[in-house]
Protein backbone atom coordinates (compact mmCIF):
# COMPACT_ATOMS: atom_id res chain seq x y z
CA MET A 1 13.64 10.95 -4.23
CA ASN A 2 12.06 14.37 -4.20
CA GLU A 3 13.36 15.30 -7.68
CA TYR A 4 12.75 11.83 -9.06
CA LEU A 5 9.12 11.68 -8.03
CA LEU A 6 8.17 15.35 -8.51
CA SER A 7 9.59 15.23 -12.09
CA ARG A 8 7.09 12.43 -13.07
CA SER A 9 3.38 11.93 -13.11
CA PRO A 10 1.90 10.20 -10.07
CA ASP A 11 2.32 6.45 -10.39
CA ALA A 12 0.74 4.17 -7.87
CA GLN A 13 2.81 1.12 -8.87
CA LEU A 14 6.13 3.14 -8.48
CA ASN A 15 4.94 4.44 -5.13
CA HIS A 16 4.14 0.98 -3.88
CA SER A 17 7.59 -0.21 -5.03
CA PHE A 18 9.32 2.56 -3.17
CA MET A 19 7.10 1.98 -0.09
CA ARG A 20 7.91 -1.77 -0.16
CA GLN A 21 11.68 -1.17 -0.64
CA LEU A 22 11.82 1.46 2.12
CA SER A 23 9.93 -0.73 4.65
CA SER A 24 12.30 -3.53 3.88
CA ALA A 25 15.37 -1.23 4.22
CA VAL A 26 14.20 0.08 7.65
CA ALA A 27 13.37 -3.49 8.81
CA PHE A 28 16.84 -4.55 7.74
CA LEU A 29 18.32 -1.67 9.84
CA HIS A 30 16.24 -2.41 12.84
CA ARG A 31 17.03 -6.21 12.56
CA ASN A 32 20.71 -5.19 12.85
CA GLN A 33 19.97 -2.85 15.76
CA ILE A 34 20.52 0.43 13.79
CA VAL A 35 18.02 3.25 14.24
CA HIS A 36 18.35 5.83 11.50
CA ARG A 37 16.79 8.89 13.31
CA ASP A 38 16.76 11.14 10.38
CA LEU A 39 14.65 9.44 7.74
CA LYS A 40 13.26 12.06 5.30
CA SER A 41 12.66 12.29 1.56
CA ASP A 42 15.91 14.26 1.01
CA ASN A 43 17.88 11.33 2.55
CA ILE A 44 16.58 8.73 0.09
CA LEU A 45 18.48 8.17 -3.18
CA ILE A 46 17.34 6.53 -6.35
CA SER A 47 19.50 4.27 -8.46
CA HIS A 48 18.24 3.82 -12.05
CA ARG A 49 21.00 2.06 -13.82
CA ARG A 50 19.25 -1.26 -14.67
CA GLY A 51 15.61 -2.03 -14.85
CA SER A 52 13.37 -0.67 -12.11
CA PRO A 53 14.46 2.13 -9.85
CA VAL A 54 16.16 1.01 -6.61
CA VAL A 55 15.73 2.95 -3.40
CA LYS A 56 18.78 3.54 -1.16
CA VAL A 57 18.55 5.02 2.41
CA ALA A 58 21.41 7.44 2.93
CA ASP A 59 22.93 9.81 5.51
CA PHE A 60 23.56 7.94 8.67
CA GLY A 61 25.13 10.81 10.47
CA LEU A 62 22.48 10.80 13.30
CA SER A 63 22.00 6.96 13.44
CA LYS A 64 22.60 4.89 16.48
CA VAL A 65 23.69 1.37 16.88
CA CYS A 66 21.85 -0.28 19.83
CA GLN A 67 24.10 -2.35 22.09
CA GLY A 68 23.10 -5.92 22.92
CA LYS A 69 20.87 -8.37 21.19
CA GLY A 70 17.48 -7.34 22.56
CA ASN A 71 14.55 -5.99 20.56
CA VAL A 72 15.60 -2.70 18.98
CA ASN A 73 12.30 -1.18 20.06
CA GLN A 74 13.24 -1.58 23.70
CA HIS A 75 16.15 0.80 23.42
CA ARG A 76 15.34 4.41 24.43
CA PHE A 77 16.94 7.59 23.19
CA SER A 78 16.86 11.01 24.91
CA SER A 79 18.58 13.33 22.45
CA ALA A 80 16.01 14.94 20.14
CA CYS A 81 17.35 14.94 16.65
CA GLY A 82 16.18 14.71 13.01
CA SER A 83 14.34 17.05 10.73
CA ASN A 84 11.31 18.73 12.16
CA PHE A 85 8.69 17.84 9.61
CA TYR A 86 9.47 14.09 9.97
CA MET A 87 9.91 13.88 13.72
CA ALA A 88 7.50 11.78 15.86
CA PRO A 89 5.81 13.42 18.80
CA GLU A 90 7.86 11.58 21.34
CA VAL A 91 11.06 12.81 19.63
CA TRP A 92 9.99 16.40 20.32
CA GLU A 93 9.82 15.35 23.98
CA GLY A 94 13.20 13.59 23.92
CA HIS A 95 12.01 10.15 24.92
CA TYR A 96 11.66 7.69 22.05
CA THR A 97 12.52 4.35 20.42
CA ALA A 98 13.21 3.01 16.97
CA LYS A 99 9.45 3.38 16.28
CA ALA A 100 10.23 7.02 15.57
CA ASP A 101 11.70 5.82 12.24
CA ILE A 102 8.23 4.36 11.37
CA PHE A 103 6.61 7.63 11.99
CA ALA A 104 9.08 9.39 9.64
CA LEU A 105 8.27 6.71 7.07
CA GLY A 106 4.51 7.34 7.49
CA ILE A 107 5.10 11.10 6.72
CA ILE A 108 7.13 10.17 3.59
CA PHE A 109 4.62 7.46 2.38
CA TRP A 110 1.56 9.80 2.78
CA ALA A 111 3.33 12.73 1.05
CA MET A 112 4.59 10.33 -1.70
CA VAL A 113 1.01 9.06 -2.53
CA GLU A 114 -0.78 12.42 -2.42
CA ARG A 115 2.26 14.61 -3.64
CA ILE A 116 2.17 16.77 -0.52
CA THR A 117 5.14 19.12 -0.46
CA PHE A 118 6.57 22.00 1.40
CA ARG A 119 9.43 24.40 0.66
CA ASP A 120 12.47 24.09 2.92
CA ARG A 121 13.31 27.45 4.41
CA ASP A 122 17.11 26.89 4.30
CA THR A 123 17.49 25.39 0.93
CA GLU A 124 14.30 26.62 -0.92
CA LYS A 125 13.88 23.01 -2.14
CA GLU A 126 10.52 21.52 -2.66
CA LEU A 127 10.34 18.50 -0.34
CA LEU A 128 7.80 15.68 0.08
CA GLY A 129 6.33 15.85 3.53
CA THR A 130 3.03 16.16 5.37
CA TYR A 131 2.13 18.83 7.83
CA ILE A 132 -0.71 20.67 9.55
CA CYS A 133 -1.78 24.18 8.48
CA GLN A 134 -2.51 26.81 11.16
CA GLY A 135 -3.27 29.94 9.32
CA LYS A 136 -0.27 30.53 7.08
CA GLU A 137 2.04 28.46 9.34
CA LEU A 138 3.02 24.93 8.49
CA ILE A 139 3.26 22.90 11.61
CA PRO A 140 5.11 19.53 11.64
CA LEU A 141 2.69 16.70 12.16
CA GLY A 142 4.52 15.30 15.14
CA GLU A 143 4.52 18.67 16.93
CA ALA A 144 0.80 19.14 16.16
CA LEU A 145 0.01 15.66 17.61
CA LEU A 146 1.96 16.42 20.67
CA GLU A 147 -0.11 19.53 21.19
CA ASN A 148 -3.31 17.63 20.41
CA PRO A 149 -2.92 13.83 20.87
CA ASN A 150 -6.61 13.30 19.99
CA MET A 151 -6.36 14.97 16.62
CA LYS A 152 -7.95 12.91 13.70
CA LEU A 153 -5.63 12.74 10.76
CA LYS A 154 -7.42 13.51 7.50
CA ILE A 155 -6.13 10.59 5.45
CA PRO A 156 -6.52 10.99 2.48
CA LEU A 157 -6.02 14.72 2.54
CA LYS A 158 -6.72 15.62 -1.14
CA ASN A 159 -8.64 12.97 -2.99
CA LYS A 160 -10.49 9.95 -1.60
CA ARG A 161 -9.83 8.06 -4.83
CA SER A 162 -6.10 8.36 -4.36
CA MET A 163 -6.01 5.84 -1.57
CA PRO A 164 -7.78 2.47 -0.76
CA ASP A 165 -9.00 1.94 2.72
CA ASP A 166 -6.22 -0.46 3.60
CA LEU A 167 -3.57 2.08 2.81
CA CYS A 168 -5.33 4.74 4.88
CA LYS A 169 -5.42 2.28 7.82
CA LEU A 170 -1.73 1.47 7.30
CA LEU A 171 -0.77 5.22 7.43
CA ARG A 172 -2.85 5.72 10.57
CA ASP A 173 -1.06 2.81 12.22
CA MET A 174 2.30 4.27 11.18
CA LEU A 175 1.44 7.75 12.44
CA ALA A 176 -0.13 6.77 15.73
CA PHE A 177 0.47 9.35 18.50
CA ASN A 178 1.24 6.51 21.05
CA PRO A 179 4.39 4.53 20.02
CA LYS A 180 2.82 1.46 21.65
CA GLU A 181 -0.01 1.57 19.11
CA ARG A 182 2.38 2.24 16.21
CA LEU A 183 3.58 -0.49 13.85
CA ASP A 184 7.14 -1.63 14.22
CA ALA A 185 9.35 -2.17 11.22
CA PHE A 186 8.79 -5.89 10.99
CA GLN A 187 5.01 -5.55 11.17
CA LEU A 188 5.26 -2.76 8.52
CA GLU A 189 7.26 -4.92 6.22
CA VAL A 190 4.60 -7.54 6.26
CA ARG A 191 1.61 -5.15 6.02
CA ILE A 192 3.07 -3.20 3.06
CA ARG A 193 3.01 -6.39 0.95
CA LEU A 194 -0.65 -6.95 1.72
CA ILE A 195 -2.20 -3.59 0.79
CA SER A 196 -4.07 -3.29 -2.52
CA TYR A 197 -2.62 0.05 -3.47
CA GLY A 198 -0.31 0.06 -6.48
CA LYS A 199 -0.64 -3.58 -7.39
CA LYS A 200 -1.29 -4.66 -10.94
CA ARG A 201 -4.73 -5.94 -11.44
CA GLN A 202 -5.03 -9.41 -12.83
CA ARG A 203 -7.06 -9.68 -16.04
CA SER A 204 -9.60 -12.46 -16.03
CA VAL A 205 -9.39 -14.87 -18.92
CA SER A 206 -12.76 -15.86 -20.35
């Protein structure tokens, strides 16, 4: 997804399509008791064989299948895993639920809309992802929120015109420090269809 988006001009309709597809994909996983635990822009593939591009979530090496039929958000995990820049605050502490996947999606969505990138130290690849700057250091957003839970996120970061208010509110609800205040995958799937961002405007007929 990094290469696909960064090789093209910003496109709100394409972004909205990817956001809708990704929210549905994660809702599908959670509905089937699967928590991905390593959602990041580099683990999202794009298929472009026919018509509109189709998003495919990949790399399930760290995923977990929750046993039983209960709500996936009630299962708790203790092993901190994933990629630093996409990890929720509670993952850094080692006590988290499936809502950590929603935080990671929030990082991806925000970066996708505003084209916020960082360079991976190991691969030197340019990756879509949001972070906090402390001097010359780039601090993962989850780690920064863990240090300062009352930190107000500057959404949008670059240009107010890049985001309508309902998208800003959605991102804040996805990136809430407290998992109990964060959207779950099923709420996100509904909300993403209601936001105004990226939708074609209907022309009035006189």
